[in-house]
Amino acid sequence: MLAIARELNNADTAFILSPDGADHDIRARFFTPRTEVGFVGHATVAAHYVLSHTAPGTGPRRQKSKAGVVQVEIRGTGEERRIAVRQSAPPLGRELNERERLAVLDALALASDDLDGRCPLRIVGAGSTRLMVAVRATEQLKQLKPDLARLTTLSAQLGAAGYFVFTLAPERPNCLTESRMFCPALGIPEDPVSGNAHGLLGTYLAHYELLRRDGERAAFCGSQGHFVNRPGLVEVELEFRDGTLDAVWIIGQAVSIFETEMTL
């Protein structure tokens, strides 16, 4: 699988396998060109878009990966259908100390004044961790000059596999956030659009009360990929139970580009 992922050289490659237990319907394994990762949101959306053509089901599918079991729903019909992925609320990790914070800012070519003061640098997630870095506006996103070698070294030191840099002052209409993400430790210099990271972002924003809630639900749209000419949108829904975040839905669309067969 890793050899195939290296040959395809996409940010992520998803492999769909038969179930090996009663608690799920299919298994999925995800590989970057360098390593296996626990879960990838947009690769899950793409895989189930294909499955909805080739092996249409009659209800939600339970997908097992190294990061656990998630529920996947097909919403709508035809080419406009959306794929919704539900996963348990990811854990909030630690905030960076001052020394770590300055090291990350230096590796991204950011100054302390570039940051959104409401949002501390904090790691989110378990099997697939990201460091959340909030900047004041899209101007700071445009000016990022990541030192990929240094970010790779910092990933091992911090325990964060990637860096999700976002702003709550986006230029795109109808979006709450705009972002960029760098995961050189995983072999991904810049990921155009990450569904999984937007789910982590939703957890982060909910914790700091930066999302408007409607009863036991909250929702937002995030924009990513414009700075690498591969723009995309991710919809996120959050479910709360008794005031506590219970689950996160990542919702997106896909398009079939090409199809081929490999003989092994």
Protein backbone atom coordinates (compact mmCIF):
# COMPACT_ATOMS: atom_id res chain seq x y z
CA MET A 1 0.00 0.00 0.00
CA LEU A 2 2.80 2.41 0.85
CA ALA A 3 4.51 1.67 -2.48
CA ILE A 4 1.27 2.48 -4.34
CA ALA A 5 0.81 5.69 -2.35
CA ARG A 6 4.38 6.72 -3.18
CA GLU A 7 3.82 6.01 -6.88
CA LEU A 8 0.53 7.94 -7.01
CA ASN A 9 2.18 10.76 -5.04
CA ASN A 10 -1.08 12.32 -3.87
CA ALA A 11 -1.38 13.90 -0.45
CA ASP A 12 -3.34 10.83 0.68
CA THR A 13 -4.38 7.46 -0.72
CA ALA A 14 -7.29 5.48 0.76
CA PHE A 15 -7.51 1.69 0.60
CA ILE A 16 -10.93 0.12 1.23
CA LEU A 17 -10.95 -3.40 2.74
CA SER A 18 -13.44 -5.96 3.98
CA PRO A 19 -14.58 -5.73 7.62
CA ASP A 20 -12.82 -7.81 10.25
CA GLY A 21 -15.41 -7.43 13.04
CA ALA A 22 -19.08 -6.86 13.80
CA ASP A 23 -18.75 -3.21 14.83
CA HIS A 24 -18.12 -1.87 11.31
CA ASP A 25 -19.11 -2.39 7.66
CA ILE A 26 -15.83 -1.61 5.90
CA ARG A 27 -12.21 -0.94 6.81
CA ALA A 28 -10.09 1.90 5.48
CA ARG A 29 -6.34 2.46 5.59
CA PHE A 30 -4.81 5.80 4.68
CA PHE A 31 -1.29 6.47 3.41
CA THR A 32 0.64 9.60 2.57
CA PRO A 33 3.64 9.15 0.25
CA ARG A 34 5.75 8.67 3.38
CA THR A 35 3.71 6.87 6.04
CA GLU A 36 0.37 5.42 7.18
CA VAL A 37 -1.92 7.79 9.08
CA GLY A 38 -4.91 7.07 11.30
CA PHE A 39 -7.68 8.95 9.48
CA VAL A 40 -8.08 11.34 6.55
CA GLY A 41 -11.35 13.24 6.14
CA HIS A 42 -11.27 14.21 2.47
CA ALA A 43 -9.98 10.79 1.41
CA THR A 44 -12.94 9.26 3.29
CA VAL A 45 -15.32 11.59 1.43
CA ALA A 46 -13.75 10.60 -1.88
CA ALA A 47 -13.82 6.87 -1.10
CA HIS A 48 -17.49 6.86 -0.16
CA TYR A 49 -18.38 8.96 -3.20
CA VAL A 50 -16.88 6.19 -5.32
CA LEU A 51 -18.58 3.48 -3.25
CA SER A 52 -21.94 5.19 -3.67
CA HIS A 53 -21.49 4.55 -7.42
CA THR A 54 -19.95 1.09 -7.36
CA ALA A 55 -21.54 -0.45 -4.26
CA PRO A 56 -24.56 1.67 -3.32
CA GLY A 57 -25.92 0.98 0.14
CA THR A 58 -29.22 1.63 1.86
CA GLY A 59 -28.01 3.44 4.97
CA PRO A 60 -25.05 4.80 6.89
CA ARG A 61 -21.81 2.85 6.71
CA ARG A 62 -19.55 2.33 9.69
CA GLN A 63 -15.92 2.75 8.65
CA LYS A 64 -13.07 1.42 10.77
CA SER A 65 -9.53 2.78 10.53
CA LYS A 66 -6.55 2.99 12.85
CA ALA A 67 -8.18 6.03 14.47
CA GLY A 68 -11.41 4.17 15.32
CA VAL A 69 -14.89 3.79 13.83
CA VAL A 70 -16.73 6.64 12.11
CA GLN A 71 -20.22 6.79 10.61
CA VAL A 72 -20.61 7.89 6.98
CA GLU A 73 -23.86 9.10 5.39
CA ILE A 74 -24.74 9.92 1.78
CA ARG A 75 -26.85 13.08 1.75
CA GLY A 76 -28.82 13.88 -1.38
CA THR A 77 -28.75 12.19 -4.78
CA GLY A 78 -27.05 12.52 -8.14
CA GLU A 79 -23.84 14.39 -8.76
CA GLU A 80 -24.69 16.98 -6.11
CA ARG A 81 -24.81 14.48 -3.28
CA ARG A 82 -22.71 15.20 -0.23
CA ILE A 83 -20.75 12.82 1.94
CA ALA A 84 -21.07 13.35 5.71
CA VAL A 85 -18.60 11.73 8.12
CA ARG A 86 -19.42 11.57 11.84
CA GLN A 87 -16.68 10.98 14.38
CA SER A 88 -16.42 11.27 18.13
CA ALA A 89 -15.29 14.63 19.43
CA PRO A 90 -11.47 14.67 19.27
CA PRO A 91 -9.55 15.48 22.45
CA LEU A 92 -8.01 18.86 23.10
CA GLY A 93 -4.30 18.61 23.72
CA ARG A 94 -1.98 21.01 25.45
CA GLU A 95 -1.20 24.64 24.77
CA LEU A 96 2.36 25.40 23.71
CA ASN A 97 4.70 27.06 26.15
CA GLU A 98 6.37 30.34 25.21
CA ARG A 99 9.58 28.76 23.93
CA GLU A 100 7.65 26.35 21.70
CA ARG A 101 5.33 29.10 20.49
CA LEU A 102 8.22 31.30 19.38
CA ALA A 103 9.90 28.38 17.61
CA VAL A 104 6.74 27.64 15.61
CA LEU A 105 6.24 31.31 14.71
CA ASP A 106 9.83 31.55 13.50
CA ALA A 107 9.42 28.41 11.37
CA LEU A 108 6.29 29.90 9.76
CA ALA A 109 7.82 33.40 9.36
CA LEU A 110 5.17 34.91 11.65
CA ALA A 111 5.46 37.53 14.37
CA SER A 112 3.51 37.56 17.63
CA ASP A 113 1.51 40.57 16.36
CA ASP A 114 0.27 38.42 13.46
CA LEU A 115 -1.67 36.14 15.82
CA ASP A 116 -5.33 36.33 16.83
CA GLY A 117 -5.15 37.06 20.55
CA ARG A 118 -8.33 35.05 21.26
CA CYS A 119 -6.72 31.80 20.14
CA PRO A 120 -3.73 30.20 21.88
CA LEU A 121 -1.50 27.80 19.95
CA ARG A 122 -2.87 24.42 20.94
CA ILE A 123 -2.60 20.81 19.77
CA VAL A 124 -5.87 19.03 18.95
CA GLY A 125 -6.54 15.38 18.16
CA ALA A 126 -5.36 11.94 19.14
CA GLY A 127 -4.20 9.63 16.34
CA SER A 128 -3.91 12.52 13.85
CA THR A 129 -2.80 15.64 15.71
CA ARG A 130 -2.63 19.20 14.41
CA LEU A 131 -1.36 22.39 15.97
CA MET A 132 -3.96 25.18 15.67
CA VAL A 133 -2.42 28.56 14.81
CA ALA A 134 -4.84 31.50 14.43
CA VAL A 135 -3.74 34.62 12.55
CA ARG A 136 -5.51 37.97 12.32
CA ALA A 137 -6.41 38.01 8.61
CA THR A 138 -5.84 36.46 5.21
CA GLU A 139 -2.87 38.78 4.68
CA GLN A 140 -0.92 36.73 7.21
CA LEU A 141 -1.94 33.52 5.40
CA LYS A 142 -0.62 34.93 2.11
CA GLN A 143 2.70 35.91 3.66
CA LEU A 144 3.48 32.54 5.26
CA LYS A 145 6.95 31.20 4.38
CA PRO A 146 7.14 27.81 6.11
CA ASP A 147 10.54 26.32 6.80
CA LEU A 148 9.53 22.74 6.06
CA ALA A 149 12.68 21.13 7.45
CA ARG A 150 12.31 22.97 10.74
CA LEU A 151 8.59 22.23 10.95
CA THR A 152 9.39 18.53 10.49
CA THR A 153 11.82 18.65 13.40
CA LEU A 154 9.33 20.56 15.55
CA SER A 155 6.61 18.00 14.83
CA ALA A 156 8.65 15.32 16.59
CA GLN A 157 9.40 17.64 19.50
CA LEU A 158 5.85 18.95 19.96
CA GLY A 159 3.84 15.83 19.17
CA ALA A 160 1.90 17.55 16.38
CA ALA A 161 1.95 15.92 12.95
CA GLY A 162 0.91 19.12 11.17
CA TYR A 163 0.24 22.85 11.45
CA PHE A 164 -3.24 24.24 10.70
CA VAL A 165 -2.98 28.00 10.25
CA PHE A 166 -6.35 29.76 10.03
CA THR A 167 -8.09 33.10 10.30
CA LEU A 168 -11.57 34.02 11.53
CA ALA A 169 -11.56 36.96 9.10
CA PRO A 170 -11.79 35.20 5.71
CA GLU A 171 -12.23 36.87 2.34
CA ARG A 172 -14.48 34.09 1.00
CA PRO A 173 -18.25 34.71 1.35
CA ASN A 174 -20.33 32.50 3.65
CA CYS A 175 -17.25 31.05 5.37
CA LEU A 176 -16.25 31.43 9.00
CA THR A 177 -12.60 30.51 8.44
CA GLU A 178 -9.88 30.40 5.82
CA SER A 179 -6.82 28.27 6.34
CA ARG A 180 -3.59 26.66 5.18
CA MET A 181 -2.06 23.43 6.48
CA PHE A 182 1.51 22.14 6.42
CA CYS A 183 2.40 18.53 7.25
CA PRO A 184 5.99 17.98 6.06
CA ALA A 185 6.55 15.30 8.72
CA LEU A 186 3.93 13.23 6.86
CA GLY A 187 5.44 13.96 3.44
CA ILE A 188 2.86 16.69 2.66
CA PRO A 189 4.45 20.14 2.27
CA GLU A 190 1.02 21.82 2.01
CA ASP A 191 -2.31 20.01 2.05
CA PRO A 192 -4.83 21.81 -0.22
CA VAL A 193 -7.97 20.90 1.76
CA SER A 194 -8.25 18.82 4.93
CA GLY A 195 -11.63 17.67 6.21
CA ASN A 196 -10.13 16.02 9.27
CA ALA A 197 -8.32 19.20 10.33
CA HIS A 198 -11.54 21.20 9.97
CA GLY A 199 -13.18 18.78 12.39
CA LEU A 200 -10.34 19.41 14.83
CA LEU A 201 -10.79 23.14 14.23
CA GLY A 202 -14.49 22.87 15.10
CA THR A 203 -13.59 21.29 18.44
CA TYR A 204 -11.06 24.04 19.10
CA LEU A 205 -13.48 26.87 18.20
CA ALA A 206 -16.26 25.35 20.32
CA HIS A 207 -13.94 25.14 23.33
CA TYR A 208 -13.04 28.84 23.08
CA GLU A 209 -16.70 29.80 22.42
CA LEU A 210 -15.96 31.18 18.96
CA LEU A 211 -18.88 29.36 17.31
CA ARG A 212 -22.54 30.37 17.38
CA ARG A 213 -24.61 27.52 18.80
CA ASP A 214 -28.23 26.71 17.96
CA GLY A 215 -29.35 24.57 20.88
CA GLU A 216 -27.37 21.33 20.75
CA ARG A 217 -25.84 22.03 17.33
CA ALA A 218 -23.35 24.37 15.71
CA ALA A 219 -22.14 24.59 12.13
CA PHE A 220 -19.65 26.51 10.00
CA CYS A 221 -18.00 26.46 6.59
CA GLY A 222 -14.22 26.58 6.15
CA SER A 223 -12.27 27.59 3.05
CA GLN A 224 -8.84 26.21 2.16
CA GLY A 225 -6.57 25.69 -0.84
CA HIS A 226 -6.79 29.09 -2.54
CA PHE A 227 -3.10 29.82 -2.01
CA VAL A 228 -2.09 26.67 -3.91
CA ASN A 229 -4.73 27.14 -6.63
CA ARG A 230 -6.77 24.16 -5.43
CA PRO A 231 -9.65 25.85 -3.61
CA GLY A 232 -12.17 23.87 -1.62
CA LEU A 233 -14.85 24.19 1.05
CA VAL A 234 -15.52 21.99 4.07
CA GLU A 235 -18.78 22.06 6.01
CA VAL A 236 -18.59 21.14 9.69
CA GLU A 237 -21.45 20.33 12.05
CA LEU A 238 -21.01 19.82 15.79
CA GLU A 239 -23.34 17.86 18.06
CA PHE A 240 -23.56 18.68 21.75
CA ARG A 241 -25.08 16.59 24.53
CA ASP A 242 -25.85 18.22 27.87
CA GLY A 243 -23.65 21.15 26.88
CA THR A 244 -20.63 18.98 26.04
CA LEU A 245 -19.36 18.39 22.51
CA ASP A 246 -20.30 14.82 21.58
CA ALA A 247 -19.52 14.43 17.86
CA VAL A 248 -18.25 16.24 14.78
CA TRP A 249 -19.60 15.88 11.23
CA ILE A 250 -17.32 16.64 8.27
CA ILE A 251 -19.33 17.22 5.06
CA GLY A 252 -18.03 17.58 1.55
CA GLN A 253 -18.51 16.79 -2.11
CA ALA A 254 -16.33 14.92 -4.58
CA VAL A 255 -15.83 14.66 -8.33
CA SER A 256 -14.61 11.60 -10.26
CA ILE A 257 -11.47 12.52 -12.23
CA PHE A 258 -10.35 9.21 -13.69
CA GLU A 259 -10.62 5.47 -13.17
CA THR A 260 -8.10 2.72 -13.77
CA GLU A 261 -7.21 -0.83 -12.75
CA MET A 262 -3.97 -2.18 -11.32
CA THR A 263 -2.82 -5.78 -11.66
CA LEU A 264 -0.65 -6.89 -8.74
